[in-house]
């Protein structure tokens, strides 16, 4: 017998199960192509154990390794990945479990660029354009790394960013708006079609080289 509706999954949970709760994880985490499977699993686990009163999560090191089914090296690498990508911060407390703090998702470069990419793919699909090859080439490029390293978070009111944007023209050209314009231009060059993108910054892209290795 197969599940026909998602709610049937809930009803099918064994009545004597120990882990009865649910953890609501944002789709932008689940779908982010810049996060490894282990990073998504660990982020979900930290979120599951998050204490609203304290403002942080503090599972033990052994508990984290057990849930991930990984050794010390891989577990530490996964935590470091979440920190470097801006999703969490970690604080060591002598004699106690580490504390793990969650960061606002709208300030995480890989989430913003991932969502912008999916928006572009959606818009391209409406024109019956296959842009997957272009996308795969871009997200493995030096250019993409530069967008991430020079990321400026989009505020609820974009007007809040105007003084900062005017003061730093290089970073203006490396927001998600400029990333969408970059994808638009590549698609026009390669496929001869213009994919509409919802942007406000209209500037030319910038590029600097970096020796750092891409995280995927």
Protein backbone atom coordinates (compact mmCIF):
# COMPACT_ATOMS: atom_id res chain seq x y z
CA UNK A 1 0.00 0.00 0.00
CA UNK A 2 1.37 3.40 -1.00
CA UNK A 3 0.84 6.84 0.50
CA UNK A 4 -1.58 8.94 -1.58
CA UNK A 5 -1.57 12.16 0.43
CA UNK A 6 1.10 13.82 2.56
CA UNK A 7 -1.09 13.86 5.66
CA UNK A 8 -1.22 10.06 5.48
CA UNK A 9 2.49 10.03 6.32
CA UNK A 10 1.64 11.59 9.68
CA UNK A 11 -1.14 9.11 10.35
CA UNK A 12 1.15 6.21 9.48
CA UNK A 13 3.71 7.01 12.21
CA UNK A 14 3.81 4.08 14.68
CA UNK A 15 1.83 4.89 17.83
CA UNK A 16 4.72 3.84 20.07
CA UNK A 17 7.42 5.86 18.27
CA UNK A 18 9.82 7.87 20.45
CA UNK A 19 10.33 10.81 18.07
CA UNK A 20 6.75 11.99 17.72
CA UNK A 21 7.33 15.65 16.84
CA UNK A 22 7.84 17.52 13.59
CA UNK A 23 10.45 20.04 12.53
CA UNK A 24 9.38 22.62 9.96
CA UNK A 25 12.30 23.30 7.63
CA UNK A 26 12.16 26.05 5.01
CA UNK A 27 12.07 24.78 1.43
CA UNK A 28 14.92 27.15 0.58
CA UNK A 29 17.09 24.99 2.85
CA UNK A 30 15.87 21.70 1.44
CA UNK A 31 16.29 22.86 -2.15
CA UNK A 32 19.57 24.78 -1.78
CA UNK A 33 22.07 23.21 -4.20
CA UNK A 34 24.99 24.78 -2.31
CA UNK A 35 24.32 22.72 0.82
CA UNK A 36 25.43 19.11 1.12
CA UNK A 37 23.05 16.40 2.31
CA UNK A 38 24.91 16.23 5.63
CA UNK A 39 24.68 20.02 6.04
CA UNK A 40 20.92 19.94 5.46
CA UNK A 41 20.53 17.07 7.93
CA UNK A 42 22.63 18.80 10.58
CA UNK A 43 20.85 22.13 10.11
CA UNK A 44 17.51 20.36 10.58
CA UNK A 45 18.83 18.65 13.71
CA UNK A 46 20.08 21.93 15.19
CA UNK A 47 16.72 23.54 14.37
CA UNK A 48 14.88 20.60 15.97
CA UNK A 49 16.83 21.07 19.21
CA UNK A 50 16.62 24.86 19.21
CA UNK A 51 15.60 26.28 22.59
CA UNK A 52 13.42 29.38 22.20
CA UNK A 53 14.04 30.49 25.77
CA UNK A 54 17.82 30.36 25.44
CA UNK A 55 18.06 31.37 21.79
CA UNK A 56 20.36 28.55 20.82
CA UNK A 57 20.67 24.78 20.38
CA UNK A 58 23.08 22.70 22.47
CA UNK A 59 23.08 19.00 21.51
CA UNK A 60 26.11 17.03 22.65
CA UNK A 61 28.91 16.18 20.24
CA UNK A 62 28.19 12.45 20.55
CA UNK A 63 24.49 13.03 19.87
CA UNK A 64 25.30 15.00 16.69
CA UNK A 65 27.65 12.27 15.46
CA UNK A 66 25.04 9.60 16.21
CA UNK A 67 22.30 11.38 14.24
CA UNK A 68 24.61 12.12 11.29
CA UNK A 69 26.09 8.62 11.50
CA UNK A 70 29.52 10.19 10.94
CA UNK A 71 32.87 10.27 12.71
CA UNK A 72 34.58 13.25 14.32
CA UNK A 73 36.24 14.44 11.11
CA UNK A 74 33.12 14.44 8.90
CA UNK A 75 30.95 15.91 11.65
CA UNK A 76 33.37 18.77 12.24
CA UNK A 77 33.63 19.35 8.47
CA UNK A 78 29.83 19.58 8.23
CA UNK A 79 29.60 22.05 11.12
CA UNK A 80 32.37 24.12 9.61
CA UNK A 81 30.50 24.13 6.29
CA UNK A 82 27.34 25.50 7.91
CA UNK A 83 29.39 28.17 9.65
CA UNK A 84 31.33 29.22 6.54
CA UNK A 85 28.12 29.43 4.53
CA UNK A 86 26.59 31.69 7.16
CA UNK A 87 23.75 29.52 8.46
CA UNK A 88 24.98 29.02 12.02
CA UNK A 89 27.58 30.20 14.50
CA UNK A 90 29.14 28.03 17.17
CA UNK A 91 30.26 29.00 20.66
CA UNK A 92 32.37 26.73 22.83
CA UNK A 93 31.48 26.65 26.53
CA UNK A 94 34.08 25.04 28.86
CA UNK A 95 32.68 21.94 30.55
CA UNK A 96 29.37 22.12 28.65
CA UNK A 97 27.95 21.36 25.22
CA UNK A 98 28.69 23.78 22.42
CA UNK A 99 26.02 26.36 21.66
CA UNK A 100 24.74 26.65 18.10
CA UNK A 101 23.07 29.86 16.99
CA UNK A 102 20.92 30.16 13.85
CA UNK A 103 21.41 33.05 11.43
CA UNK A 104 18.64 34.89 9.51
CA UNK A 105 18.18 33.10 6.18
CA UNK A 106 17.78 36.37 4.26
CA UNK A 107 21.41 37.16 5.11
CA UNK A 108 22.85 33.86 3.82
CA UNK A 109 24.50 34.28 0.38
CA UNK A 110 24.09 30.68 -0.80
CA UNK A 111 20.37 30.73 0.06
CA UNK A 112 19.76 34.04 -1.73
CA UNK A 113 21.64 32.97 -4.86
CA UNK A 114 20.04 29.53 -4.87
CA UNK A 115 16.56 31.05 -4.69
CA UNK A 116 17.43 33.57 -7.40
CA UNK A 117 18.59 30.67 -9.57
CA UNK A 118 15.33 28.77 -9.11
CA UNK A 119 13.39 31.95 -9.91
CA UNK A 120 15.36 32.33 -13.13
CA UNK A 121 14.76 28.68 -14.07
CA UNK A 122 11.04 29.13 -13.41
CA UNK A 123 10.90 32.21 -15.64
CA UNK A 124 12.87 30.40 -18.35
CA UNK A 125 10.52 27.41 -18.21
CA UNK A 126 7.60 29.71 -18.93
CA UNK A 127 9.35 30.49 -22.23
CA UNK A 128 10.04 26.78 -22.84
CA UNK A 129 13.77 27.41 -22.48
CA UNK A 130 16.13 24.79 -21.07
CA UNK A 131 18.79 26.72 -19.14
CA UNK A 132 20.15 23.88 -16.99
CA UNK A 133 23.49 23.66 -18.79
CA UNK A 134 24.00 27.41 -18.41
CA UNK A 135 23.10 27.26 -14.72
CA UNK A 136 25.44 24.34 -13.99
CA UNK A 137 28.32 26.13 -15.68
CA UNK A 138 27.68 29.36 -13.77
CA UNK A 139 27.43 27.94 -10.25
CA UNK A 140 30.79 26.22 -10.64
CA UNK A 141 32.52 29.33 -11.94
CA UNK A 142 34.84 31.93 -10.43
CA UNK A 143 32.21 34.51 -11.20
CA UNK A 144 29.68 32.78 -8.96
CA UNK A 145 32.18 32.71 -6.10
CA UNK A 146 32.60 36.44 -6.49
CA UNK A 147 28.84 36.98 -6.21
CA UNK A 148 28.82 35.02 -2.93
CA UNK A 149 31.86 36.74 -1.45
CA UNK A 150 30.52 40.23 -2.24
CA UNK A 151 26.92 39.56 -1.27
CA UNK A 152 24.74 42.35 0.16
CA UNK A 153 21.54 41.03 1.82
CA UNK A 154 18.26 42.25 0.40
CA UNK A 155 16.38 44.15 3.11
CA UNK A 156 12.63 44.14 3.52
CA UNK A 157 12.68 47.68 2.17
CA UNK A 158 15.33 47.94 -0.55
CA UNK A 159 15.50 51.69 0.07
CA UNK A 160 17.38 50.90 3.29
CA UNK A 161 20.28 49.72 1.16
CA UNK A 162 20.59 52.81 -1.02
CA UNK A 163 23.26 54.71 1.02
CA UNK A 164 25.36 51.55 1.33
CA UNK A 165 24.95 50.72 -2.33
CA UNK A 166 25.98 54.19 -3.45
CA UNK A 167 29.02 54.08 -1.19
CA UNK A 168 30.18 50.74 -2.57
CA UNK A 169 29.58 50.50 -6.30
CA UNK A 170 31.56 47.26 -6.60
CA UNK A 171 29.22 45.44 -4.24
CA UNK A 172 26.17 46.97 -5.92
CA UNK A 173 27.11 44.93 -8.95
CA UNK A 174 27.24 41.71 -6.93
CA UNK A 175 23.75 41.49 -5.41
CA UNK A 176 21.15 38.90 -6.40
CA UNK A 177 19.78 41.51 -8.81
CA UNK A 178 23.06 41.62 -10.67
CA UNK A 179 23.32 37.84 -10.56
CA UNK A 180 19.93 37.58 -12.30
CA UNK A 181 21.04 40.11 -14.90
CA UNK A 182 24.18 38.05 -15.46
CA UNK A 183 22.11 34.89 -16.03
CA UNK A 184 19.85 36.86 -18.34
CA UNK A 185 22.79 38.03 -20.44
CA UNK A 186 24.33 34.55 -20.68
CA UNK A 187 21.00 33.09 -21.79
CA UNK A 188 20.63 35.80 -24.41
CA UNK A 189 24.13 35.07 -25.75
CA UNK A 190 23.74 31.28 -25.72
CA UNK A 191 20.08 30.82 -26.61
CA UNK A 192 19.15 34.11 -28.24
CA UNK A 193 16.25 34.68 -25.82
CA UNK A 194 15.71 37.22 -23.05
CA UNK A 195 14.36 35.78 -19.80
CA UNK A 196 12.52 38.46 -17.76
CA UNK A 197 13.99 39.02 -14.29
CA UNK A 198 12.60 41.12 -11.37
CA UNK A 199 15.54 43.42 -10.61
CA UNK A 200 16.15 46.99 -9.50
CA UNK A 201 19.92 47.38 -9.83
CA UNK A 202 20.91 48.02 -13.44
CA UNK A 203 24.70 47.94 -13.55
CA UNK A 204 27.48 46.09 -15.31
CA UNK A 205 28.93 43.00 -13.63
CA UNK A 206 32.32 43.06 -11.98
CA UNK A 207 34.89 40.33 -11.66
CA UNK A 208 37.94 39.65 -9.55
CA UNK A 209 39.82 36.39 -9.23
CA UNK A 210 40.07 34.45 -6.00
CA UNK A 211 42.17 31.48 -4.99
CA UNK A 212 39.50 29.95 -2.76
CA UNK A 213 37.96 26.64 -3.73
CA UNK A 214 34.22 26.43 -4.37
CA UNK A 215 32.35 24.51 -1.63
CA UNK A 216 30.60 22.19 -4.11
